[in-house]
Amino acid sequence: MSKTHAKIAITDHAAEDLLLTYGDMVAELENDIRQHANLGRDPMYFIDSVNRLSALMAFGWIRRMLIKAANNARERGYSRIDIEQIVHIDPFE
């Protein structure tokens, strides 16, 4: 996926961190929804909808993160994405 979308290789460690960051974001989003949902009906319906939406958006988020990391790597003269590029990207942008 990295070579297809970011046009650069990625280390295993960086790929693992990217996926863990994504999981953390989804968990935080779900927690926020649980704490703040006041829809006058069962909030589980809303949470399930957001979970499905998150699953659909996952590819787009990962693609954007890979492209940002690849640009950072290229600017530094690296031939592949390393953990350094992943941890310095704001996942909420």
C-alpha atoms as a PDB file:
ATOM      1  CA  MET A   1       0.000   0.000   0.000  1.00  0.00           C
ATOM      2  CA  SER A   2       2.857   2.370   0.787  1.00  0.00           C
ATOM      3  CA  LYS A   3       4.487   1.937  -2.610  1.00  0.00           C
ATOM      4  CA  THR A   4       1.146   2.358  -4.375  1.00  0.00           C
ATOM      5  CA  HIS A   5       0.002   5.535  -2.624  1.00  0.00           C
ATOM      6  CA  ALA A   6       3.129   7.158  -1.204  1.00  0.00           C
ATOM      7  CA  LYS A   7       5.461   5.879  -3.944  1.00  0.00           C
ATOM      8  CA  ILE A   8       8.047   4.907  -1.320  1.00  0.00           C
ATOM      9  CA  ALA A   9       8.752   1.857   0.842  1.00  0.00           C
ATOM     10  CA  ILE A  10       7.993   1.761   4.572  1.00  0.00           C
ATOM     11  CA  THR A  11       9.788  -0.079   7.362  1.00  0.00           C
ATOM     12  CA  ASP A  12       7.886  -2.710   9.330  1.00  0.00           C
ATOM     13  CA  HIS A  13       8.272  -0.678  12.521  1.00  0.00           C
ATOM     14  CA  ALA A  14       6.817   2.443  10.887  1.00  0.00           C
ATOM     15  CA  ALA A  15       3.898   0.468   9.424  1.00  0.00           C
ATOM     16  CA  GLU A  16       3.147  -1.045  12.833  1.00  0.00           C
ATOM     17  CA  ASP A  17       3.215   2.400  14.473  1.00  0.00           C
ATOM     18  CA  LEU A  18       0.908   3.791  11.801  1.00  0.00           C
ATOM     19  CA  LEU A  19      -1.641   1.054  12.430  1.00  0.00           C
ATOM     20  CA  LEU A  20      -1.380   1.464  16.208  1.00  0.00           C
ATOM     21  CA  THR A  21      -1.904   5.216  15.850  1.00  0.00           C
ATOM     22  CA  TYR A  22      -4.986   4.561  13.760  1.00  0.00           C
ATOM     23  CA  GLY A  23      -6.338   2.178  16.401  1.00  0.00           C
ATOM     24  CA  ASP A  24      -5.742   4.762  19.118  1.00  0.00           C
ATOM     25  CA  MET A  25      -7.587   7.411  17.116  1.00  0.00           C
ATOM     26  CA  VAL A  26     -10.604   5.183  16.580  1.00  0.00           C
ATOM     27  CA  ALA A  27     -10.705   4.230  20.278  1.00  0.00           C
ATOM     28  CA  GLU A  28     -10.492   7.889  21.291  1.00  0.00           C
ATOM     29  CA  LEU A  29     -13.254   8.822  18.875  1.00  0.00           C
ATOM     30  CA  GLU A  30     -15.495   6.059  20.194  1.00  0.00           C
ATOM     31  CA  ASN A  31     -14.808   7.115  23.785  1.00  0.00           C
ATOM     32  CA  ASP A  32     -15.663  10.739  22.982  1.00  0.00           C
ATOM     33  CA  ILE A  33     -18.905   9.708  21.341  1.00  0.00           C
ATOM     34  CA  ARG A  34     -19.854   7.530  24.309  1.00  0.00           C
ATOM     35  CA  GLN A  35     -19.197  10.386  26.726  1.00  0.00           C
ATOM     36  CA  HIS A  36     -20.959  13.077  24.727  1.00  0.00           C
ATOM     37  CA  ALA A  37     -23.776  11.274  22.922  1.00  0.00           C
ATOM     38  CA  ASN A  38     -27.135  12.648  23.983  1.00  0.00           C
ATOM     39  CA  LEU A  39     -29.426  11.884  21.109  1.00  0.00           C
ATOM     40  CA  GLY A  40     -32.632  11.045  22.957  1.00  0.00           C
ATOM     41  CA  ARG A  41     -32.398   7.425  21.841  1.00  0.00           C
ATOM     42  CA  ASP A  42     -30.048   4.522  22.272  1.00  0.00           C
ATOM     43  CA  PRO A  43     -26.548   5.954  21.657  1.00  0.00           C
ATOM     44  CA  MET A  44     -25.305   2.514  20.598  1.00  0.00           C
ATOM     45  CA  TYR A  45     -27.031   3.063  17.254  1.00  0.00           C
ATOM     46  CA  PHE A  46     -24.974   6.215  16.723  1.00  0.00           C
ATOM     47  CA  ILE A  47     -21.774   4.543  17.953  1.00  0.00           C
ATOM     48  CA  ASP A  48     -22.267   1.604  15.601  1.00  0.00           C
ATOM     49  CA  SER A  49     -22.790   4.038  12.729  1.00  0.00           C
ATOM     50  CA  VAL A  50     -19.617   5.902  13.567  1.00  0.00           C
ATOM     51  CA  ASN A  51     -17.716   2.615  13.834  1.00  0.00           C
ATOM     52  CA  ARG A  52     -18.849   1.671  10.345  1.00  0.00           C
ATOM     53  CA  LEU A  53     -17.951   5.125   9.057  1.00  0.00           C
ATOM     54  CA  SER A  54     -14.527   4.854  10.686  1.00  0.00           C
ATOM     55  CA  ALA A  55     -13.936   1.525   8.980  1.00  0.00           C
ATOM     56  CA  LEU A  56     -14.796   3.086   5.634  1.00  0.00           C
ATOM     57  CA  MET A  57     -12.568   6.103   6.244  1.00  0.00           C
ATOM     58  CA  ALA A  58      -9.599   4.037   7.428  1.00  0.00           C
ATOM     59  CA  PHE A  59      -8.105   3.676   4.003  1.00  0.00           C
ATOM     60  CA  GLY A  60      -8.258   7.412   3.317  1.00  0.00           C
ATOM     61  CA  TRP A  61      -6.674   8.281   6.659  1.00  0.00           C
ATOM     62  CA  ILE A  62      -3.869   5.763   6.214  1.00  0.00           C
ATOM     63  CA  ARG A  63      -3.277   6.958   2.649  1.00  0.00           C
ATOM     64  CA  ARG A  64      -3.012  10.602   3.787  1.00  0.00           C
ATOM     65  CA  MET A  65      -0.612   9.657   6.588  1.00  0.00           C
ATOM     66  CA  LEU A  66       1.551   7.653   4.180  1.00  0.00           C
ATOM     67  CA  ILE A  67       1.724  10.527   1.716  1.00  0.00           C
ATOM     68  CA  LYS A  68       2.689  13.024   4.449  1.00  0.00           C
ATOM     69  CA  ALA A  69       5.326  10.638   5.809  1.00  0.00           C
ATOM     70  CA  ALA A  70       6.687   9.977   2.310  1.00  0.00           C
ATOM     71  CA  ASN A  71       7.011  13.705   1.627  1.00  0.00           C
ATOM     72  CA  ASN A  72       8.852  14.118   4.921  1.00  0.00           C
ATOM     73  CA  ALA A  73      11.173  11.214   4.097  1.00  0.00           C
ATOM     74  CA  ARG A  74      11.945  12.587   0.640  1.00  0.00           C
ATOM     75  CA  GLU A  75      12.685  16.051   2.087  1.00  0.00           C
ATOM     76  CA  ARG A  76      15.239  14.420   4.374  1.00  0.00           C
ATOM     77  CA  GLY A  77      16.748  12.367   1.558  1.00  0.00           C
ATOM     78  CA  TYR A  78      15.492   8.992   2.848  1.00  0.00           C
ATOM     79  CA  SER A  79      14.639   6.175   0.474  1.00  0.00           C
ATOM     80  CA  ARG A  80      11.848   4.824   2.678  1.00  0.00           C
ATOM     81  CA  ILE A  81       9.441   5.854   5.418  1.00  0.00           C
ATOM     82  CA  ASP A  82      10.784   5.179   8.888  1.00  0.00           C
ATOM     83  CA  ILE A  83       9.242   5.530  12.324  1.00  0.00           C
ATOM     84  CA  GLU A  84      10.641   9.076  12.560  1.00  0.00           C
ATOM     85  CA  GLN A  85       8.317  10.273   9.801  1.00  0.00           C
ATOM     86  CA  ILE A  86       5.235   8.627  11.319  1.00  0.00           C
ATOM     87  CA  VAL A  87       5.612   9.940  14.875  1.00  0.00           C
ATOM     88  CA  HIS A  88       6.082  13.543  13.742  1.00  0.00           C
ATOM     89  CA  ILE A  89       2.766  13.756  11.871  1.00  0.00           C
ATOM     90  CA  ASP A  90      -0.352  15.098  13.570  1.00  0.00           C
ATOM     91  CA  PRO A  91      -2.893  12.300  13.009  1.00  0.00           C
ATOM     92  CA  PHE A  92      -5.810  14.731  13.418  1.00  0.00           C
ATOM     93  CA  GLU A  93      -4.837  17.022  10.514  1.00  0.00           C
END
